[in-house]
PDB file of all heavy atoms in Angstrom:
ATOM      1  N   ASP A   1      39.688   2.758  22.596  1.00  0.00           N
ATOM      2  CA  ASP A   1      41.093   2.615  22.991  1.00  0.00           C
ATOM      3  C   ASP A   1      41.455   1.147  23.189  1.00  0.00           C
ATOM      4  O   ASP A   1      42.502   0.690  22.736  1.00  0.00           O
ATOM      5  CB  ASP A   1      41.339   3.412  24.274  1.00  0.00           C
ATOM      6  CG  ASP A   1      42.784   3.372  24.706  1.00  0.00           C
ATOM      7  OD1 ASP A   1      43.658   3.690  23.868  1.00  0.00           O
ATOM      8  OD2 ASP A   1      43.042   3.017  25.874  1.00  0.00           O
ATOM      9  N   ILE A   2      40.575   0.383  23.821  1.00  0.00           N
ATOM     10  CA  ILE A   2      40.825  -1.043  24.051  1.00  0.00           C
ATOM     11  C   ILE A   2      40.866  -1.795  22.721  1.00  0.00           C
ATOM     12  O   ILE A   2      41.730  -2.646  22.507  1.00  0.00           O
ATOM     13  CB  ILE A   2      39.755  -1.627  24.995  1.00  0.00           C
ATOM     14  CG1 ILE A   2      39.927  -1.037  26.398  1.00  0.00           C
ATOM     15  CG2 ILE A   2      39.832  -3.152  25.037  1.00  0.00           C
ATOM     16  CD1 ILE A   2      38.784  -1.333  27.341  1.00  0.00           C
ATOM     17  N   LEU A   3      39.941  -1.478  21.823  1.00  0.00           N
ATOM     18  CA  LEU A   3      39.923  -2.125  20.503  1.00  0.00           C
ATOM     19  C   LEU A   3      41.231  -1.883  19.755  1.00  0.00           C
ATOM     20  O   LEU A   3      41.780  -2.792  19.128  1.00  0.00           O
ATOM     21  CB  LEU A   3      38.752  -1.606  19.669  1.00  0.00           C
ATOM     22  CG  LEU A   3      37.367  -2.121  20.034  1.00  0.00           C
ATOM     23  CD1 LEU A   3      36.290  -1.259  19.392  1.00  0.00           C
ATOM     24  CD2 LEU A   3      37.218  -3.570  19.620  1.00  0.00           C
ATOM     25  N   GLN A   4      41.720  -0.669  19.829  1.00  0.00           N
ATOM     26  CA  GLN A   4      42.944  -0.319  19.114  1.00  0.00           C
ATOM     27  C   GLN A   4      44.176  -0.952  19.749  1.00  0.00           C
ATOM     28  O   GLN A   4      45.040  -1.491  19.050  1.00  0.00           O
ATOM     29  CB  GLN A   4      43.090   1.203  19.043  1.00  0.00           C
ATOM     30  CG  GLN A   4      42.057   1.844  18.158  1.00  0.00           C
ATOM     31  CD  GLN A   4      42.010   3.358  18.294  1.00  0.00           C
ATOM     32  OE1 GLN A   4      42.828   3.954  18.987  1.00  0.00           O
ATOM     33  NE2 GLN A   4      41.035   3.973  17.646  1.00  0.00           N
ATOM     34  N   ARG A   5      44.269  -0.914  21.078  1.00  0.00           N
ATOM     35  CA  ARG A   5      45.461  -1.425  21.764  1.00  0.00           C
ATOM     36  C   ARG A   5      45.530  -2.943  21.783  1.00  0.00           C
ATOM     37  O   ARG A   5      46.576  -3.526  21.550  1.00  0.00           O
ATOM     38  CB  ARG A   5      45.524  -0.901  23.198  1.00  0.00           C
ATOM     39  CG  ARG A   5      46.024   0.519  23.310  1.00  0.00           C
ATOM     40  CD  ARG A   5      46.231   0.982  24.748  1.00  0.00           C
ATOM     41  NE  ARG A   5      44.977   0.991  25.502  1.00  0.00           N
ATOM     42  CZ  ARG A   5      44.659   0.110  26.475  1.00  0.00           C
ATOM     43  NH1 ARG A   5      45.511  -0.818  26.828  1.00  0.00           N
ATOM     44  NH2 ARG A   5      43.516   0.186  27.105  1.00  0.00           N
ATOM     45  N   THR A   6      44.409  -3.612  22.063  1.00  0.00           N
ATOM     46  CA  THR A   6      44.461  -5.063  22.231  1.00  0.00           C
ATOM     47  C   THR A   6      44.117  -5.835  20.974  1.00  0.00           C
ATOM     48  O   THR A   6      44.559  -6.971  20.817  1.00  0.00           O
ATOM     49  CB  THR A   6      43.516  -5.534  23.361  1.00  0.00           C
ATOM     50  OG1 THR A   6      42.171  -5.220  23.005  1.00  0.00           O
ATOM     51  CG2 THR A   6      43.880  -4.887  24.674  1.00  0.00           C
ATOM     52  N   GLY A   7      43.319  -5.252  20.089  1.00  0.00           N
ATOM     53  CA  GLY A   7      42.894  -5.988  18.906  1.00  0.00           C
ATOM     54  C   GLY A   7      43.482  -5.516  17.604  1.00  0.00           C
ATOM     55  O   GLY A   7      43.316  -6.158  16.574  1.00  0.00           O
ATOM     56  N   GLY A   8      44.144  -4.366  17.621  1.00  0.00           N
ATOM     57  CA  GLY A   8      44.709  -3.851  16.380  1.00  0.00           C
ATOM     58  C   GLY A   8      43.674  -3.226  15.460  1.00  0.00           C
ATOM     59  O   GLY A   8      43.918  -3.071  14.260  1.00  0.00           O
ATOM     60  N   PHE A   9      42.509  -2.856  16.007  1.00  0.00           N
ATOM     61  CA  PHE A   9      41.472  -2.207  15.203  1.00  0.00           C
ATOM     62  C   PHE A   9      41.899  -0.786  14.875  1.00  0.00           C
ATOM     63  O   PHE A   9      42.668  -0.165  15.617  1.00  0.00           O
ATOM     64  CB  PHE A   9      40.152  -2.165  15.977  1.00  0.00           C
ATOM     65  CG  PHE A   9      39.405  -3.477  16.003  1.00  0.00           C
ATOM     66  CD1 PHE A   9      39.831  -4.515  16.813  1.00  0.00           C
ATOM     67  CD2 PHE A   9      38.292  -3.675  15.212  1.00  0.00           C
ATOM     68  CE1 PHE A   9      39.160  -5.721  16.844  1.00  0.00           C
ATOM     69  CE2 PHE A   9      37.609  -4.886  15.231  1.00  0.00           C
ATOM     70  CZ  PHE A   9      38.045  -5.907  16.051  1.00  0.00           C
ATOM     71  N   VAL A  10      41.421  -0.282  13.753  1.00  0.00           N
ATOM     72  CA  VAL A  10      41.672   1.104  13.353  1.00  0.00           C
ATOM     73  C   VAL A  10      40.333   1.817  13.226  1.00  0.00           C
ATOM     74  O   VAL A  10      39.318   1.207  12.909  1.00  0.00           O
ATOM     75  CB  VAL A  10      42.454   1.193  12.018  1.00  0.00           C
ATOM     76  CG1 VAL A  10      43.849   0.625  12.173  1.00  0.00           C
ATOM     77  CG2 VAL A  10      41.723   0.480  10.904  1.00  0.00           C
ATOM     78  N   SER A  11      40.336   3.118  13.490  1.00  0.00           N
ATOM     79  CA  SER A  11      39.124   3.921  13.346  1.00  0.00           C
ATOM     80  C   SER A  11      38.875   4.219  11.882  1.00  0.00           C
ATOM     81  O   SER A  11      39.817   4.418  11.111  1.00  0.00           O
ATOM     82  CB  SER A  11      39.245   5.243  14.109  1.00  0.00           C
ATOM     83  OG  SER A  11      39.266   5.003  15.478  1.00  0.00           O
ATOM     84  N   ALA A  12      37.595   4.251  11.531  1.00  0.00           N
ATOM     85  CA  ALA A  12      37.216   4.586  10.159  1.00  0.00           C
ATOM     86  C   ALA A  12      35.932   5.401  10.202  1.00  0.00           C
ATOM     87  O   ALA A  12      35.046   5.117  11.008  1.00  0.00           O
ATOM     88  CB  ALA A  12      37.008   3.317   9.341  1.00  0.00           C
ATOM     89  N   PRO A  13      35.828   6.420   9.352  1.00  0.00           N
ATOM     90  CA  PRO A  13      34.598   7.216   9.337  1.00  0.00           C
ATOM     91  C   PRO A  13      33.480   6.437   8.646  1.00  0.00           C
ATOM     92  O   PRO A  13      33.698   5.764   7.649  1.00  0.00           O
ATOM     93  CB  PRO A  13      34.989   8.457   8.532  1.00  0.00           C
ATOM     94  CG  PRO A  13      36.113   7.994   7.666  1.00  0.00           C
ATOM     95  CD  PRO A  13      36.827   6.919   8.428  1.00  0.00           C
ATOM     96  N   GLY A  14      32.306   6.514   9.209  1.00  0.00           N
ATOM     97  CA  GLY A  14      31.152   5.844   8.624  1.00  0.00           C
ATOM     98  C   GLY A  14      30.009   6.812   8.453  1.00  0.00           C
ATOM     99  O   GLY A  14      30.070   7.954   8.932  1.00  0.00           O
ATOM    100  N   PRO A  15      28.948   6.402   7.794  1.00  0.00           N
ATOM    101  CA  PRO A  15      27.819   7.300   7.543  1.00  0.00           C
ATOM    102  C   PRO A  15      27.094   7.722   8.823  1.00  0.00           C
ATOM    103  O   PRO A  15      26.454   8.766   8.865  1.00  0.00           O
ATOM    104  CB  PRO A  15      26.893   6.484   6.645  1.00  0.00           C
ATOM    105  CG  PRO A  15      27.310   5.067   6.839  1.00  0.00           C
ATOM    106  CD  PRO A  15      28.745   5.086   7.220  1.00  0.00           C
ATOM    107  N   ARG A  16      27.214   6.939   9.889  1.00  0.00           N
ATOM    108  CA  ARG A  16      26.558   7.267  11.159  1.00  0.00           C
ATOM    109  C   ARG A  16      27.576   7.513  12.276  1.00  0.00           C
ATOM    110  O   ARG A  16      27.285   7.297  13.438  1.00  0.00           O
ATOM    111  CB  ARG A  16      25.612   6.142  11.552  1.00  0.00           C
ATOM    112  CG  ARG A  16      24.461   5.996  10.592  1.00  0.00           C
ATOM    113  CD  ARG A  16      23.468   4.964  11.088  1.00  0.00           C
ATOM    114  NE  ARG A  16      22.381   4.855  10.148  1.00  0.00           N
ATOM    115  CZ  ARG A  16      22.249   3.874   9.271  1.00  0.00           C
ATOM    116  NH1 ARG A  16      23.136   2.903   9.227  1.00  0.00           N
ATOM    117  NH2 ARG A  16      21.220   3.855   8.457  1.00  0.00           N
ATOM    118  N   GLY A  17      28.765   7.900  11.904  1.00  0.00           N
ATOM    119  CA  GLY A  17      29.816   8.142  12.885  1.00  0.00           C
ATOM    120  C   GLY A  17      30.942   7.135  12.726  1.00  0.00           C
ATOM    121  O   GLY A  17      30.858   6.206  11.927  1.00  0.00           O
ATOM    122  N   ASP A  18      31.977   7.331  13.504  1.00  0.00           N
ATOM    123  CA  ASP A  18      33.140   6.448  13.401  1.00  0.00           C
ATOM    124  C   ASP A  18      32.807   5.030  13.847  1.00  0.00           C
ATOM    125  O   ASP A  18      31.963   4.818  14.711  1.00  0.00           O
ATOM    126  CB  ASP A  18      34.290   6.977  14.261  1.00  0.00           C
ATOM    127  CG  ASP A  18      34.941   8.204  13.659  1.00  0.00           C
ATOM    128  OD1 ASP A  18      34.636   8.541  12.497  1.00  0.00           O
ATOM    129  OD2 ASP A  18      35.763   8.834  14.351  1.00  0.00           O
ATOM    130  N   TYR A  19      33.468   4.085  13.238  1.00  0.00           N
ATOM    131  CA  TYR A  19      33.414   2.692  13.659  1.00  0.00           C
ATOM    132  C   TYR A  19      34.845   2.191  13.649  1.00  0.00           C
ATOM    133  O   TYR A  19      35.771   2.915  13.312  1.00  0.00           O
ATOM    134  CB  TYR A  19      32.501   1.858  12.745  1.00  0.00           C
ATOM    135  CG  TYR A  19      33.027   1.674  11.342  1.00  0.00           C
ATOM    136  CD1 TYR A  19      33.735   0.535  10.988  1.00  0.00           C
ATOM    137  CD2 TYR A  19      32.821   2.636  10.357  1.00  0.00           C
ATOM    138  CE1 TYR A  19      34.234   0.367   9.697  1.00  0.00           C
ATOM    139  CE2 TYR A  19      33.304   2.477   9.076  1.00  0.00           C
ATOM    140  CZ  TYR A  19      34.006   1.342   8.757  1.00  0.00           C
ATOM    141  OH  TYR A  19      34.493   1.175   7.488  1.00  0.00           O
ATOM    142  N   HIS A  20      35.034   0.969  14.047  1.00  0.00           N
ATOM    143  CA  HIS A  20      36.377   0.406  14.104  1.00  0.00           C
ATOM    144  C   HIS A  20      36.409  -0.859  13.269  1.00  0.00           C
ATOM    145  O   HIS A  20      35.427  -1.606  13.207  1.00  0.00           O
ATOM    146  CB  HIS A  20      36.775   0.119  15.551  1.00  0.00           C
ATOM    147  CG  HIS A  20      36.669   1.339  16.398  1.00  0.00           C
ATOM    148  ND1 HIS A  20      37.627   2.325  16.403  1.00  0.00           N
ATOM    149  CD2 HIS A  20      35.694   1.763  17.216  1.00  0.00           C
ATOM    150  CE1 HIS A  20      37.250   3.288  17.200  1.00  0.00           C
ATOM    151  NE2 HIS A  20      36.071   2.974  17.713  1.00  0.00           N
ATOM    152  N   ARG A  21      37.530  -1.102  12.622  1.00  0.00           N
ATOM    153  CA  ARG A  21      37.665  -2.293  11.777  1.00  0.00           C
ATOM    154  C   ARG A  21      39.088  -2.804  11.858  1.00  0.00           C
ATOM    155  O   ARG A  21      40.007  -2.066  12.221  1.00  0.00           O
ATOM    156  CB  ARG A  21      37.316  -1.977  10.326  1.00  0.00           C
ATOM    157  CG  ARG A  21      38.270  -0.993   9.679  1.00  0.00           C
ATOM    158  CD  ARG A  21      38.091  -0.912   8.182  1.00  0.00           C
ATOM    159  NE  ARG A  21      38.936   0.105   7.599  1.00  0.00           N
ATOM    160  CZ  ARG A  21      40.241  -0.011   7.390  1.00  0.00           C
ATOM    161  NH1 ARG A  21      40.872  -1.112   7.724  1.00  0.00           N
ATOM    162  NH2 ARG A  21      40.935   0.973   6.842  1.00  0.00           N
ATOM    163  N   LEU A  22      39.238  -4.077  11.533  1.00  0.00           N
ATOM    164  CA  LEU A  22      40.582  -4.626  11.425  1.00  0.00           C
ATOM    165  C   LEU A  22      41.173  -4.220  10.081  1.00  0.00           C
ATOM    166  O   LEU A  22      40.432  -3.952   9.129  1.00  0.00           O
ATOM    167  CB  LEU A  22      40.536  -6.151  11.547  1.00  0.00           C
ATOM    168  CG  LEU A  22      40.253  -6.689  12.944  1.00  0.00           C
ATOM    169  CD1 LEU A  22      40.174  -8.213  12.930  1.00  0.00           C
ATOM    170  CD2 LEU A  22      41.315  -6.233  13.933  1.00  0.00           C
ATOM    171  N   PRO A  23      42.484  -4.163   9.982  1.00  0.00           N
ATOM    172  CA  PRO A  23      43.119  -3.799   8.705  1.00  0.00           C
ATOM    173  C   PRO A  23      42.724  -4.771   7.587  1.00  0.00           C
ATOM    174  O   PRO A  23      42.446  -5.949   7.833  1.00  0.00           O
ATOM    175  CB  PRO A  23      44.608  -3.897   9.010  1.00  0.00           C
ATOM    176  CG  PRO A  23      44.716  -3.728  10.485  1.00  0.00           C
ATOM    177  CD  PRO A  23      43.474  -4.351  11.045  1.00  0.00           C
ATOM    178  N   HIS A  24      42.735  -4.269   6.372  1.00  0.00           N
ATOM    179  CA  HIS A  24      42.441  -5.089   5.195  1.00  0.00           C
ATOM    180  C   HIS A  24      43.481  -6.189   5.030  1.00  0.00           C
ATOM    181  O   HIS A  24      44.646  -6.008   5.373  1.00  0.00           O
ATOM    182  CB  HIS A  24      42.457  -4.230   3.918  1.00  0.00           C
ATOM    183  CG  HIS A  24      41.402  -3.192   3.875  1.00  0.00           C
ATOM    184  ND1 HIS A  24      40.116  -3.455   3.499  1.00  0.00           N
ATOM    185  CD2 HIS A  24      41.442  -1.879   4.180  1.00  0.00           C
ATOM    186  CE1 HIS A  24      39.402  -2.347   3.567  1.00  0.00           C
ATOM    187  NE2 HIS A  24      40.190  -1.366   3.980  1.00  0.00           N
ATOM    188  N   GLY A  25      43.061  -7.326   4.478  1.00  0.00           N
ATOM    189  CA  GLY A  25      43.986  -8.362   4.060  1.00  0.00           C
ATOM    190  C   GLY A  25      44.509  -9.298   5.135  1.00  0.00           C
ATOM    191  O   GLY A  25      45.420 -10.074   4.866  1.00  0.00           O
ATOM    192  N   LEU A  26      43.963  -9.235   6.341  1.00  0.00           N
ATOM    193  CA  LEU A  26      44.423 -10.171   7.380  1.00  0.00           C
ATOM    194  C   LEU A  26      43.883 -11.567   7.103  1.00  0.00           C
ATOM    195  O   LEU A  26      42.722 -11.718   6.705  1.00  0.00           O
ATOM    196  CB  LEU A  26      43.928  -9.729   8.765  1.00  0.00           C
ATOM    197  CG  LEU A  26      44.558  -8.505   9.385  1.00  0.00           C
ATOM    198  CD1 LEU A  26      43.875  -8.179  10.705  1.00  0.00           C
ATOM    199  CD2 LEU A  26      46.038  -8.736   9.609  1.00  0.00           C
ATOM    200  N   PRO A  27      44.672 -12.605   7.333  1.00  0.00           N
ATOM    201  CA  PRO A  27      44.160 -13.972   7.200  1.00  0.00           C
ATOM    202  C   PRO A  27      43.052 -14.209   8.232  1.00  0.00           C
ATOM    203  O   PRO A  27      43.027 -13.568   9.286  1.00  0.00           O
ATOM    204  CB  PRO A  27      45.367 -14.855   7.498  1.00  0.00           C
ATOM    205  CG  PRO A  27      46.560 -13.967   7.486  1.00  0.00           C
ATOM    206  CD  PRO A  27      46.077 -12.571   7.684  1.00  0.00           C
ATOM    207  N   ILE A  28      42.151 -15.138   7.941  1.00  0.00           N
ATOM    208  CA  ILE A  28      40.999 -15.388   8.802  1.00  0.00           C
ATOM    209  C   ILE A  28      41.418 -15.736  10.227  1.00  0.00           C
ATOM    210  O   ILE A  28      40.794 -15.293  11.190  1.00  0.00           O
ATOM    211  CB  ILE A  28      40.060 -16.468   8.210  1.00  0.00           C
ATOM    212  CG1 ILE A  28      38.795 -16.624   9.058  1.00  0.00           C
ATOM    213  CG2 ILE A  28      40.754 -17.804   8.088  1.00  0.00           C
ATOM    214  CD1 ILE A  28      37.878 -15.451   9.044  1.00  0.00           C
ATOM    215  N   GLU A  29      42.495 -16.494  10.389  1.00  0.00           N
ATOM    216  CA  GLU A  29      42.935 -16.856  11.742  1.00  0.00           C
ATOM    217  C   GLU A  29      43.384 -15.620  12.526  1.00  0.00           C
ATOM    218  O   GLU A  29      43.133 -15.527  13.726  1.00  0.00           O
ATOM    219  CB  GLU A  29      44.037 -17.914  11.704  1.00  0.00           C
ATOM    220  CG  GLU A  29      43.547 -19.278  11.270  1.00  0.00           C
ATOM    221  CD  GLU A  29      42.372 -19.790  12.102  1.00  0.00           C
ATOM    222  OE1 GLU A  29      42.442 -19.746  13.354  1.00  0.00           O
ATOM    223  OE2 GLU A  29      41.365 -20.223  11.506  1.00  0.00           O
TER     224      GLU A  29
END
């Protein structure tokens, strides 16, 4: 919840369970 609210991370399914990632295409900064 903190990752999603404060960092803009989104949930994604992975081979060992869900993980969180930033959206594609964000500039490095």
